[in-house]
Amino acid sequence: MRAVGIDVRQQVWVDGHPLDGVIGERLAIQIDGFRHHSAAGDRRRDLAADARLALRGYTVLRFDYHQVMVDDRHVEDTVLAALAQGLHRADHRATGRG
């Protein structure tokens, strides 16, 4: 992300849980490695965390290791689309602005 000028703060704690990255004020990036995200319980934990974050005004983009390492263009395009919509700003939901 930094190669294309996007500042990502890493390992930011929100609601007692670490986020792999945060862009701006409200765009959460989670990267799921197979080791900690392969069982049904892991998936339920991730869904619960995503719901908590959504209720706090965050947009969560979740990618797996393969996407980050092999399909990085998809990750970049997705993040850039979220930024274009203003999803990184705290005021994007309250005002309806993109």
PDB file of N, CA and C in Angstrom:
ATOM      1  N   MET A   1       0.818  -1.187   0.000  1.00  0.00           N
ATOM      2  CA  MET A   1       0.000   0.000   0.000  1.00  0.00           C
ATOM      3  C   MET A   1       0.870   1.262   0.000  1.00  0.00           C
ATOM      4  N   ARG A   2       1.925   1.222   0.746  1.00  0.00           N
ATOM      5  CA  ARG A   2       2.772   2.414   0.805  1.00  0.00           C
ATOM      6  C   ARG A   2       3.400   2.714  -0.547  1.00  0.00           C
ATOM      7  N   ALA A   3       3.622   1.683  -1.356  1.00  0.00           N
ATOM      8  CA  ALA A   3       4.207   1.877  -2.689  1.00  0.00           C
ATOM      9  C   ALA A   3       3.310   2.731  -3.582  1.00  0.00           C
ATOM     10  N   VAL A   4       2.004   2.721  -3.309  1.00  0.00           N
ATOM     11  CA  VAL A   4       1.067   3.541  -4.093  1.00  0.00           C
ATOM     12  C   VAL A   4       0.582   4.751  -3.295  1.00  0.00           C
ATOM     13  N   GLY A   5       1.301   5.079  -2.220  1.00  0.00           N
ATOM     14  CA  GLY A   5       1.013   6.289  -1.465  1.00  0.00           C
ATOM     15  C   GLY A   5      -0.071   6.189  -0.418  1.00  0.00           C
ATOM     16  N   ILE A   6      -0.389   4.973   0.014  1.00  0.00           N
ATOM     17  CA  ILE A   6      -1.429   4.790   1.027  1.00  0.00           C
ATOM     18  C   ILE A   6      -0.765   4.476   2.360  1.00  0.00           C
ATOM     19  N   ASP A   7      -1.023   5.310   3.351  1.00  0.00           N
ATOM     20  CA  ASP A   7      -0.461   5.108   4.683  1.00  0.00           C
ATOM     21  C   ASP A   7      -1.325   4.122   5.467  1.00  0.00           C
ATOM     22  N   VAL A   8      -0.724   3.044   5.915  1.00  0.00           N
ATOM     23  CA  VAL A   8      -1.428   2.028   6.700  1.00  0.00           C
ATOM     24  C   VAL A   8      -0.783   1.957   8.081  1.00  0.00           C
ATOM     25  N   ARG A   9      -1.582   2.211   9.100  1.00  0.00           N
ATOM     26  CA  ARG A   9      -1.084   2.017  10.467  1.00  0.00           C
ATOM     27  C   ARG A   9      -1.281   0.543  10.805  1.00  0.00           C
ATOM     28  N   GLN A  10      -0.247  -0.099  11.292  1.00  0.00           N
ATOM     29  CA  GLN A  10      -0.300  -1.535  11.550  1.00  0.00           C
ATOM     30  C   GLN A  10      -0.525  -1.836  13.021  1.00  0.00           C
ATOM     31  N   GLN A  11      -1.213  -2.970  13.252  1.00  0.00           N
ATOM     32  CA  GLN A  11      -1.477  -3.481  14.596  1.00  0.00           C
ATOM     33  C   GLN A  11      -2.078  -2.411  15.505  1.00  0.00           C
ATOM     34  N   VAL A  12      -3.208  -1.883  15.072  1.00  0.00           N
ATOM     35  CA  VAL A  12      -3.955  -0.881  15.832  1.00  0.00           C
ATOM     36  C   VAL A  12      -5.011  -1.608  16.657  1.00  0.00           C
ATOM     37  N   TRP A  13      -5.065  -1.311  17.939  1.00  0.00           N
ATOM     38  CA  TRP A  13      -6.039  -1.957  18.815  1.00  0.00           C
ATOM     39  C   TRP A  13      -7.329  -1.151  18.844  1.00  0.00           C
ATOM     40  N   VAL A  14      -8.437  -1.831  18.574  1.00  0.00           N
ATOM     41  CA  VAL A  14      -9.768  -1.231  18.622  1.00  0.00           C
ATOM     42  C   VAL A  14     -10.681  -2.223  19.330  1.00  0.00           C
ATOM     43  N   ASP A  15     -11.430  -1.744  20.277  1.00  0.00           N
ATOM     44  CA  ASP A  15     -12.385  -2.591  20.991  1.00  0.00           C
ATOM     45  C   ASP A  15     -11.694  -3.813  21.613  1.00  0.00           C
ATOM     46  N   GLY A  16     -10.475  -3.624  22.077  1.00  0.00           N
ATOM     47  CA  GLY A  16      -9.743  -4.705  22.735  1.00  0.00           C
ATOM     48  C   GLY A  16      -9.162  -5.758  21.814  1.00  0.00           C
ATOM     49  N   HIS A  17      -9.163  -5.499  20.512  1.00  0.00           N
ATOM     50  CA  HIS A  17      -8.662  -6.471  19.544  1.00  0.00           C
ATOM     51  C   HIS A  17      -7.745  -5.776  18.539  1.00  0.00           C
ATOM     52  N   PRO A  18      -6.695  -6.470  18.080  1.00  0.00           N
ATOM     53  CA  PRO A  18      -5.791  -5.845  17.117  1.00  0.00           C
ATOM     54  C   PRO A  18      -6.335  -5.935  15.687  1.00  0.00           C
ATOM     55  N   LEU A  19      -6.161  -4.857  14.959  1.00  0.00           N
ATOM     56  CA  LEU A  19      -6.431  -4.852  13.522  1.00  0.00           C
ATOM     57  C   LEU A  19      -5.090  -4.918  12.818  1.00  0.00           C
ATOM     58  N   ASP A  20      -5.012  -5.684  11.751  1.00  0.00           N
ATOM     59  CA  ASP A  20      -3.751  -5.777  11.014  1.00  0.00           C
ATOM     60  C   ASP A  20      -3.350  -4.416  10.461  1.00  0.00           C
ATOM     61  N   GLY A  21      -4.337  -3.645  10.017  1.00  0.00           N
ATOM     62  CA  GLY A  21      -4.046  -2.320   9.506  1.00  0.00           C
ATOM     63  C   GLY A  21      -5.267  -1.428   9.557  1.00  0.00           C
ATOM     64  N   VAL A  22      -5.018  -0.131   9.649  1.00  0.00           N
ATOM     65  CA  VAL A  22      -6.076   0.869   9.590  1.00  0.00           C
ATOM     66  C   VAL A  22      -5.608   1.967   8.643  1.00  0.00           C
ATOM     67  N   ILE A  23      -6.515   2.335   7.725  1.00  0.00           N
ATOM     68  CA  ILE A  23      -6.247   3.426   6.801  1.00  0.00           C
ATOM     69  C   ILE A  23      -7.216   4.540   7.149  1.00  0.00           C
ATOM     70  N   GLY A  24      -6.681   5.723   7.326  1.00  0.00           N
ATOM     71  CA  GLY A  24      -7.518   6.847   7.738  1.00  0.00           C
ATOM     72  C   GLY A  24      -8.085   6.587   9.118  1.00  0.00           C
ATOM     73  N   GLU A  25      -9.330   6.968   9.300  1.00  0.00           N
ATOM     74  CA  GLU A  25      -9.958   6.832  10.607  1.00  0.00           C
ATOM     75  C   GLU A  25     -10.813   5.576  10.749  1.00  0.00           C
ATOM     76  N   ARG A  26     -11.314   5.015   9.618  1.00  0.00           N
ATOM     77  CA  ARG A  26     -12.324   3.967   9.747  1.00  0.00           C
ATOM     78  C   ARG A  26     -12.224   2.806   8.759  1.00  0.00           C
ATOM     79  N   LEU A  27     -11.120   2.667   8.035  1.00  0.00           N
ATOM     80  CA  LEU A  27     -11.000   1.544   7.105  1.00  0.00           C
ATOM     81  C   LEU A  27     -10.052   0.510   7.705  1.00  0.00           C
ATOM     82  N   ALA A  28     -10.626  -0.595   8.138  1.00  0.00           N
ATOM     83  CA  ALA A  28      -9.860  -1.664   8.781  1.00  0.00           C
ATOM     84  C   ALA A  28      -9.456  -2.698   7.731  1.00  0.00           C
ATOM     85  N   ILE A  29      -8.211  -3.115   7.800  1.00  0.00           N
ATOM     86  CA  ILE A  29      -7.683  -4.147   6.910  1.00  0.00           C
ATOM     87  C   ILE A  29      -7.299  -5.342   7.768  1.00  0.00           C
ATOM     88  N   GLN A  30      -7.843  -6.492   7.428  1.00  0.00           N
ATOM     89  CA  GLN A  30      -7.508  -7.731   8.126  1.00  0.00           C
ATOM     90  C   GLN A  30      -6.926  -8.713   7.106  1.00  0.00           C
ATOM     91  N   ILE A  31      -5.827  -9.329   7.476  1.00  0.00           N
ATOM     92  CA  ILE A  31      -5.162 -10.312   6.619  1.00  0.00           C
ATOM     93  C   ILE A  31      -5.207 -11.646   7.338  1.00  0.00           C
ATOM     94  N   ASP A  32      -5.874 -12.595   6.710  1.00  0.00           N
ATOM     95  CA  ASP A  32      -6.110 -13.898   7.326  1.00  0.00           C
ATOM     96  C   ASP A  32      -5.130 -14.945   6.811  1.00  0.00           C
ATOM     97  N   GLY A  33      -4.235 -15.365   7.670  1.00  0.00           N
ATOM     98  CA  GLY A  33      -3.383 -16.497   7.356  1.00  0.00           C
ATOM     99  C   GLY A  33      -4.128 -17.788   7.680  1.00  0.00           C
ATOM    100  N   PHE A  34      -3.814 -18.854   6.990  1.00  0.00           N
ATOM    101  CA  PHE A  34      -4.522 -20.120   7.164  1.00  0.00           C
ATOM    102  C   PHE A  34      -4.387 -20.651   8.587  1.00  0.00           C
ATOM    103  N   ARG A  35      -3.252 -20.455   9.199  1.00  0.00           N
ATOM    104  CA  ARG A  35      -2.983 -21.020  10.522  1.00  0.00           C
ATOM    105  C   ARG A  35      -4.004 -20.576  11.570  1.00  0.00           C
ATOM    106  N   HIS A  36      -4.398 -19.315  11.531  1.00  0.00           N
ATOM    107  CA  HIS A  36      -5.305 -18.780  12.552  1.00  0.00           C
ATOM    108  C   HIS A  36      -6.714 -18.521  12.029  1.00  0.00           C
ATOM    109  N   HIS A  37      -7.004 -18.988  10.813  1.00  0.00           N
ATOM    110  CA  HIS A  37      -8.307 -18.694  10.222  1.00  0.00           C
ATOM    111  C   HIS A  37      -8.850 -19.879   9.428  1.00  0.00           C
ATOM    112  N   SER A  38      -8.555 -21.089   9.858  1.00  0.00           N
ATOM    113  CA  SER A  38      -8.927 -22.260   9.055  1.00  0.00           C
ATOM    114  C   SER A  38     -10.093 -23.063   9.628  1.00  0.00           C
ATOM    115  N   ALA A  39     -10.436 -22.870  10.869  1.00  0.00           N
ATOM    116  CA  ALA A  39     -11.502 -23.662  11.500  1.00  0.00           C
ATOM    117  C   ALA A  39     -12.790 -22.845  11.594  1.00  0.00           C
ATOM    118  N   ALA A  40     -13.888 -23.544  11.782  1.00  0.00           N
ATOM    119  CA  ALA A  40     -15.188 -22.884  11.897  1.00  0.00           C
ATOM    120  C   ALA A  40     -15.209 -21.883  13.052  1.00  0.00           C
ATOM    121  N   GLY A  41     -14.587 -22.220  14.159  1.00  0.00           N
ATOM    122  CA  GLY A  41     -14.527 -21.306  15.296  1.00  0.00           C
ATOM    123  C   GLY A  41     -13.762 -20.037  14.970  1.00  0.00           C
ATOM    124  N   ASP A  42     -12.715 -20.185  14.163  1.00  0.00           N
ATOM    125  CA  ASP A  42     -11.958 -19.010  13.729  1.00  0.00           C
ATOM    126  C   ASP A  42     -12.834 -18.085  12.896  1.00  0.00           C
ATOM    127  N   ARG A  43     -13.616 -18.673  12.001  1.00  0.00           N
ATOM    128  CA  ARG A  43     -14.502 -17.890  11.140  1.00  0.00           C
ATOM    129  C   ARG A  43     -15.557 -17.165  11.982  1.00  0.00           C
ATOM    130  N   ARG A  44     -16.132 -17.847  12.960  1.00  0.00           N
ATOM    131  CA  ARG A  44     -17.122 -17.205  13.832  1.00  0.00           C
ATOM    132  C   ARG A  44     -16.492 -16.057  14.611  1.00  0.00           C
ATOM    133  N   ARG A  45     -15.282 -16.242  15.094  1.00  0.00           N
ATOM    134  CA  ARG A  45     -14.566 -15.179  15.813  1.00  0.00           C
ATOM    135  C   ARG A  45     -14.369 -13.964  14.899  1.00  0.00           C
ATOM    136  N   ASP A  46     -13.963 -14.213  13.641  1.00  0.00           N
ATOM    137  CA  ASP A  46     -13.751 -13.122  12.695  1.00  0.00           C
ATOM    138  C   ASP A  46     -15.058 -12.384  12.396  1.00  0.00           C
ATOM    139  N   LEU A  47     -16.141 -13.129  12.207  1.00  0.00           N
ATOM    140  CA  LEU A  47     -17.437 -12.506  11.933  1.00  0.00           C
ATOM    141  C   LEU A  47     -17.898 -11.644  13.107  1.00  0.00           C
ATOM    142  N   ALA A  48     -17.697 -12.136  14.323  1.00  0.00           N
ATOM    143  CA  ALA A  48     -18.069 -11.362  15.508  1.00  0.00           C
ATOM    144  C   ALA A  48     -17.239 -10.080  15.600  1.00  0.00           C
ATOM    145  N   ALA A  49     -15.953 -10.193  15.314  1.00  0.00           N
ATOM    146  CA  ALA A  49     -15.081  -9.019  15.347  1.00  0.00           C
ATOM    147  C   ALA A  49     -15.498  -8.011  14.277  1.00  0.00           C
ATOM    148  N   ASP A  50     -15.811  -8.504  13.078  1.00  0.00           N
ATOM    149  CA  ASP A  50     -16.247  -7.610  12.000  1.00  0.00           C
ATOM    150  C   ASP A  50     -17.537  -6.896  12.376  1.00  0.00           C
ATOM    151  N   ALA A  51     -18.463  -7.587  13.020  1.00  0.00           N
ATOM    152  CA  ALA A  51     -19.727  -6.975  13.442  1.00  0.00           C
ATOM    153  C   ALA A  51     -19.477  -5.889  14.490  1.00  0.00           C
ATOM    154  N   ARG A  52     -18.614  -6.187  15.465  1.00  0.00           N
ATOM    155  CA  ARG A  52     -18.282  -5.172  16.481  1.00  0.00           C
ATOM    156  C   ARG A  52     -17.686  -3.927  15.826  1.00  0.00           C
ATOM    157  N   LEU A  53     -16.794  -4.141  14.866  1.00  0.00           N
ATOM    158  CA  LEU A  53     -16.164  -3.009  14.191  1.00  0.00           C
ATOM    159  C   LEU A  53     -17.184  -2.211  13.381  1.00  0.00           C
ATOM    160  N   ALA A  54     -18.076  -2.909  12.688  1.00  0.00           N
ATOM    161  CA  ALA A  54     -19.107  -2.223  11.904  1.00  0.00           C
ATOM    162  C   ALA A  54     -19.979  -1.358  12.806  1.00  0.00           C
ATOM    163  N   LEU A  55     -20.305  -1.850  13.970  1.00  0.00           N
ATOM    164  CA  LEU A  55     -21.115  -1.085  14.910  1.00  0.00           C
ATOM    165  C   LEU A  55     -20.376   0.137  15.447  1.00  0.00           C
ATOM    166  N   ARG A  56     -19.064   0.110  15.367  1.00  0.00           N
ATOM    167  CA  ARG A  56     -18.246   1.258  15.780  1.00  0.00           C
ATOM    168  C   ARG A  56     -17.936   2.182  14.606  1.00  0.00           C
ATOM    169  N   GLY A  57     -18.508   1.884  13.425  1.00  0.00           N
ATOM    170  CA  GLY A  57     -18.340   2.763  12.269  1.00  0.00           C
ATOM    171  C   GLY A  57     -17.215   2.399  11.328  1.00  0.00           C
ATOM    172  N   TYR A  58     -16.625   1.230  11.511  1.00  0.00           N
ATOM    173  CA  TYR A  58     -15.529   0.799  10.639  1.00  0.00           C
ATOM    174  C   TYR A  58     -16.050   0.012   9.447  1.00  0.00           C
ATOM    175  N   THR A  59     -15.338   0.127   8.343  1.00  0.00           N
ATOM    176  CA  THR A  59     -15.508  -0.774   7.212  1.00  0.00           C
ATOM    177  C   THR A  59     -14.338  -1.740   7.274  1.00  0.00           C
ATOM    178  N   VAL A  60     -14.626  -3.027   7.211  1.00  0.00           N
ATOM    179  CA  VAL A  60     -13.579  -4.044   7.295  1.00  0.00           C
ATOM    180  C   VAL A  60     -13.375  -4.665   5.921  1.00  0.00           C
ATOM    181  N   LEU A  61     -12.141  -4.619   5.444  1.00  0.00           N
ATOM    182  CA  LEU A  61     -11.744  -5.345   4.242  1.00  0.00           C
ATOM    183  C   LEU A  61     -10.862  -6.490   4.706  1.00  0.00           C
ATOM    184  N   ARG A  62     -11.268  -7.687   4.381  1.00  0.00           N
ATOM    185  CA  ARG A  62     -10.566  -8.879   4.849  1.00  0.00           C
ATOM    186  C   ARG A  62      -9.990  -9.613   3.635  1.00  0.00           C
ATOM    187  N   PHE A  63      -8.681  -9.852   3.666  1.00  0.00           N
ATOM    188  CA  PHE A  63      -7.983 -10.538   2.588  1.00  0.00           C
ATOM    189  C   PHE A  63      -7.256 -11.743   3.161  1.00  0.00           C
ATOM    190  N   ASP A  64      -7.013 -12.739   2.322  1.00  0.00           N
ATOM    191  CA  ASP A  64      -6.207 -13.861   2.796  1.00  0.00           C
ATOM    192  C   ASP A  64      -4.765 -13.710   2.304  1.00  0.00           C
ATOM    193  N   TYR A  65      -3.916 -14.557   2.828  1.00  0.00           N
ATOM    194  CA  TYR A  65      -2.488 -14.490   2.543  1.00  0.00           C
ATOM    195  C   TYR A  65      -2.213 -14.588   1.041  1.00  0.00           C
ATOM    196  N   HIS A  66      -2.912 -15.480   0.354  1.00  0.00           N
ATOM    197  CA  HIS A  66      -2.706 -15.667  -1.083  1.00  0.00           C
ATOM    198  C   HIS A  66      -3.024 -14.378  -1.848  1.00  0.00           C
ATOM    199  N   GLN A  67      -4.102 -13.714  -1.485  1.00  0.00           N
ATOM    200  CA  GLN A  67      -4.453 -12.468  -2.156  1.00  0.00           C
ATOM    201  C   GLN A  67      -3.371 -11.414  -1.968  1.00  0.00           C
ATOM    202  N   VAL A  68      -2.854 -11.312  -0.769  1.00  0.00           N
ATOM    203  CA  VAL A  68      -1.840 -10.304  -0.474  1.00  0.00           C
ATOM    204  C   VAL A  68      -0.532 -10.613  -1.198  1.00  0.00           C
ATOM    205  N   MET A  69      -0.138 -11.878  -1.206  1.00  0.00           N
ATOM    206  CA  MET A  69       1.159 -12.237  -1.764  1.00  0.00           C
ATOM    207  C   MET A  69       1.140 -12.501  -3.275  1.00  0.00           C
ATOM    208  N   VAL A  70       0.011 -13.003  -3.803  1.00  0.00           N
ATOM    209  CA  VAL A  70      -0.036 -13.412  -5.210  1.00  0.00           C
ATOM    210  C   VAL A  70      -0.937 -12.499  -6.042  1.00  0.00           C
ATOM    211  N   ASP A  71      -2.047 -12.083  -5.475  1.00  0.00           N
ATOM    212  CA  ASP A  71      -3.019 -11.266  -6.204  1.00  0.00           C
ATOM    213  C   ASP A  71      -3.063  -9.865  -5.609  1.00  0.00           C
ATOM    214  N   ASP A  72      -1.894  -9.278  -5.436  1.00  0.00           N
ATOM    215  CA  ASP A  72      -1.815  -7.986  -4.768  1.00  0.00           C
ATOM    216  C   ASP A  72      -2.525  -6.880  -5.542  1.00  0.00           C
ATOM    217  N   ARG A  73      -2.674  -7.040  -6.837  1.00  0.00           N
ATOM    218  CA  ARG A  73      -3.402  -6.036  -7.632  1.00  0.00           C
ATOM    219  C   ARG A  73      -4.872  -5.967  -7.192  1.00  0.00           C
ATOM    220  N   HIS A  74      -5.467  -7.122  -6.910  1.00  0.00           N
ATOM    221  CA  HIS A  74      -6.848  -7.155  -6.412  1.00  0.00           C
ATOM    222  C   HIS A  74      -6.952  -6.413  -5.082  1.00  0.00           C
ATOM    223  N   VAL A  75      -6.008  -6.655  -4.198  1.00  0.00           N
ATOM    224  CA  VAL A  75      -6.012  -5.993  -2.886  1.00  0.00           C
ATOM    225  C   VAL A  75      -5.898  -4.485  -3.082  1.00  0.00           C
ATOM    226  N   GLU A  76      -4.949  -4.081  -3.906  1.00  0.00           N
ATOM    227  CA  GLU A  76      -4.744  -2.655  -4.165  1.00  0.00           C
ATOM    228  C   GLU A  76      -6.002  -2.020  -4.774  1.00  0.00           C
ATOM    229  N   ASP A  77      -6.577  -2.664  -5.782  1.00  0.00           N
ATOM    230  CA  ASP A  77      -7.778  -2.117  -6.424  1.00  0.00           C
ATOM    231  C   ASP A  77      -8.939  -1.999  -5.437  1.00  0.00           C
ATOM    232  N   THR A  78      -9.097  -2.994  -4.574  1.00  0.00           N
ATOM    233  CA  THR A  78     -10.177  -2.975  -3.591  1.00  0.00           C
ATOM    234  C   THR A  78      -9.991  -1.841  -2.595  1.00  0.00           C
ATOM    235  N   VAL A  79      -8.785  -1.672  -2.105  1.00  0.00           N
ATOM    236  CA  VAL A  79      -8.504  -0.597  -1.153  1.00  0.00           C
ATOM    237  C   VAL A  79      -8.699   0.764  -1.813  1.00  0.00           C
ATOM    238  N   LEU A  80      -8.209   0.913  -3.031  1.00  0.00           N
ATOM    239  CA  LEU A  80      -8.380   2.186  -3.739  1.00  0.00           C
ATOM    240  C   LEU A  80      -9.864   2.500  -3.975  1.00  0.00           C
ATOM    241  N   ALA A  81     -10.666   1.500  -4.272  1.00  0.00           N
ATOM    242  CA  ALA A  81     -12.105   1.704  -4.445  1.00  0.00           C
ATOM    243  C   ALA A  81     -12.751   2.156  -3.133  1.00  0.00           C
ATOM    244  N   ALA A  82     -12.329   1.553  -2.028  1.00  0.00           N
ATOM    245  CA  ALA A  82     -12.857   1.949  -0.712  1.00  0.00           C
ATOM    246  C   ALA A  82     -12.470   3.393  -0.395  1.00  0.00           C
ATOM    247  N   LEU A  83     -11.242   3.768  -0.710  1.00  0.00           N
ATOM    248  CA  LEU A  83     -10.805   5.145  -0.475  1.00  0.00           C
ATOM    249  C   LEU A  83     -11.592   6.117  -1.350  1.00  0.00           C
ATOM    250  N   ALA A  84     -11.838   5.745  -2.597  1.00  0.00           N
ATOM    251  CA  ALA A  84     -12.601   6.605  -3.504  1.00  0.00           C
ATOM    252  C   ALA A  84     -14.016   6.841  -2.980  1.00  0.00           C
ATOM    253  N   GLN A  85     -14.546   5.880  -2.252  1.00  0.00           N
ATOM    254  CA  GLN A  85     -15.883   6.014  -1.664  1.00  0.00           C
ATOM    255  C   GLN A  85     -15.863   6.737  -0.316  1.00  0.00           C
ATOM    256  N   GLY A  86     -14.675   7.074   0.158  1.00  0.00           N
ATOM    257  CA  GLY A  86     -14.560   7.780   1.428  1.00  0.00           C
ATOM    258  C   GLY A  86     -14.722   6.895   2.639  1.00  0.00           C
ATOM    259  N   LEU A  87     -14.580   5.588   2.471  1.00  0.00           N
ATOM    260  CA  LEU A  87     -14.818   4.669   3.589  1.00  0.00           C
ATOM    261  C   LEU A  87     -13.762   4.767   4.687  1.00  0.00           C
ATOM    262  N   HIS A  88     -12.695   5.461   4.441  1.00  0.00           N
ATOM    263  CA  HIS A  88     -11.649   5.654   5.439  1.00  0.00           C
ATOM    264  C   HIS A  88     -11.941   6.834   6.365  1.00  0.00           C
ATOM    265  N   ARG A  89     -12.937   7.644   6.010  1.00  0.00           N
ATOM    266  CA  ARG A  89     -13.248   8.830   6.795  1.00  0.00           C
ATOM    267  C   ARG A  89     -14.329   8.542   7.826  1.00  0.00           C
ATOM    268  N   ALA A  90     -14.179   9.144   8.984  1.00  0.00           N
ATOM    269  CA  ALA A  90     -15.168   8.945  10.059  1.00  0.00           C
ATOM    270  C   ALA A  90     -16.520   9.530   9.689  1.00  0.00           C
ATOM    271  N   ASP A  91     -16.548  10.548   8.859  1.00  0.00           N
ATOM    272  CA  ASP A  91     -17.804  11.216   8.550  1.00  0.00           C
ATOM    273  C   ASP A  91     -18.523  10.645   7.339  1.00  0.00           C
ATOM    274  N   HIS A  92     -18.007   9.606   6.706  1.00  0.00           N
ATOM    275  CA  HIS A  92     -18.618   9.134   5.459  1.00  0.00           C
ATOM    276  C   HIS A  92     -20.017   8.571   5.661  1.00  0.00           C
ATOM    277  N   ARG A  93     -20.297   7.976   6.797  1.00  0.00           N
ATOM    278  CA  ARG A  93     -21.626   7.403   7.033  1.00  0.00           C
ATOM    279  C   ARG A  93     -22.619   8.465   7.480  1.00  0.00           C
ATOM    280  N   ALA A  94     -22.150   9.389   8.300  1.00  0.00           N
ATOM    281  CA  ALA A  94     -23.056  10.391   8.865  1.00  0.00           C
ATOM    282  C   ALA A  94     -23.570  11.362   7.809  1.00  0.00           C
ATOM    283  N   THR A  95     -22.749  11.668   6.833  1.00  0.00           N
ATOM    284  CA  THR A  95     -23.137  12.680   5.851  1.00  0.00           C
ATOM    285  C   THR A  95     -23.633  12.070   4.552  1.00  0.00           C
ATOM    286  N   GLY A  96     -23.329  10.796   4.336  1.00  0.00           N
ATOM    287  CA  GLY A  96     -23.717  10.165   3.083  1.00  0.00           C
ATOM    288  C   GLY A  96     -22.792  10.536   1.937  1.00  0.00           C
ATOM    289  N   ARG A  97     -21.720  11.240   2.241  1.00  0.00           N
ATOM    290  CA  ARG A  97     -20.764  11.640   1.200  1.00  0.00           C
ATOM    291  C   ARG A  97     -19.796  10.504   0.941  1.00  0.00           C
ATOM    292  N   GLY A  98     -19.333  10.419  -0.280  1.00  0.00           N
ATOM    293  CA  GLY A  98     -18.340   9.422  -0.657  1.00  0.00           C
ATOM    294  C   GLY A  98     -16.974   9.959  -0.693  1.00  0.00           C
TER     295      GLY A  98
END
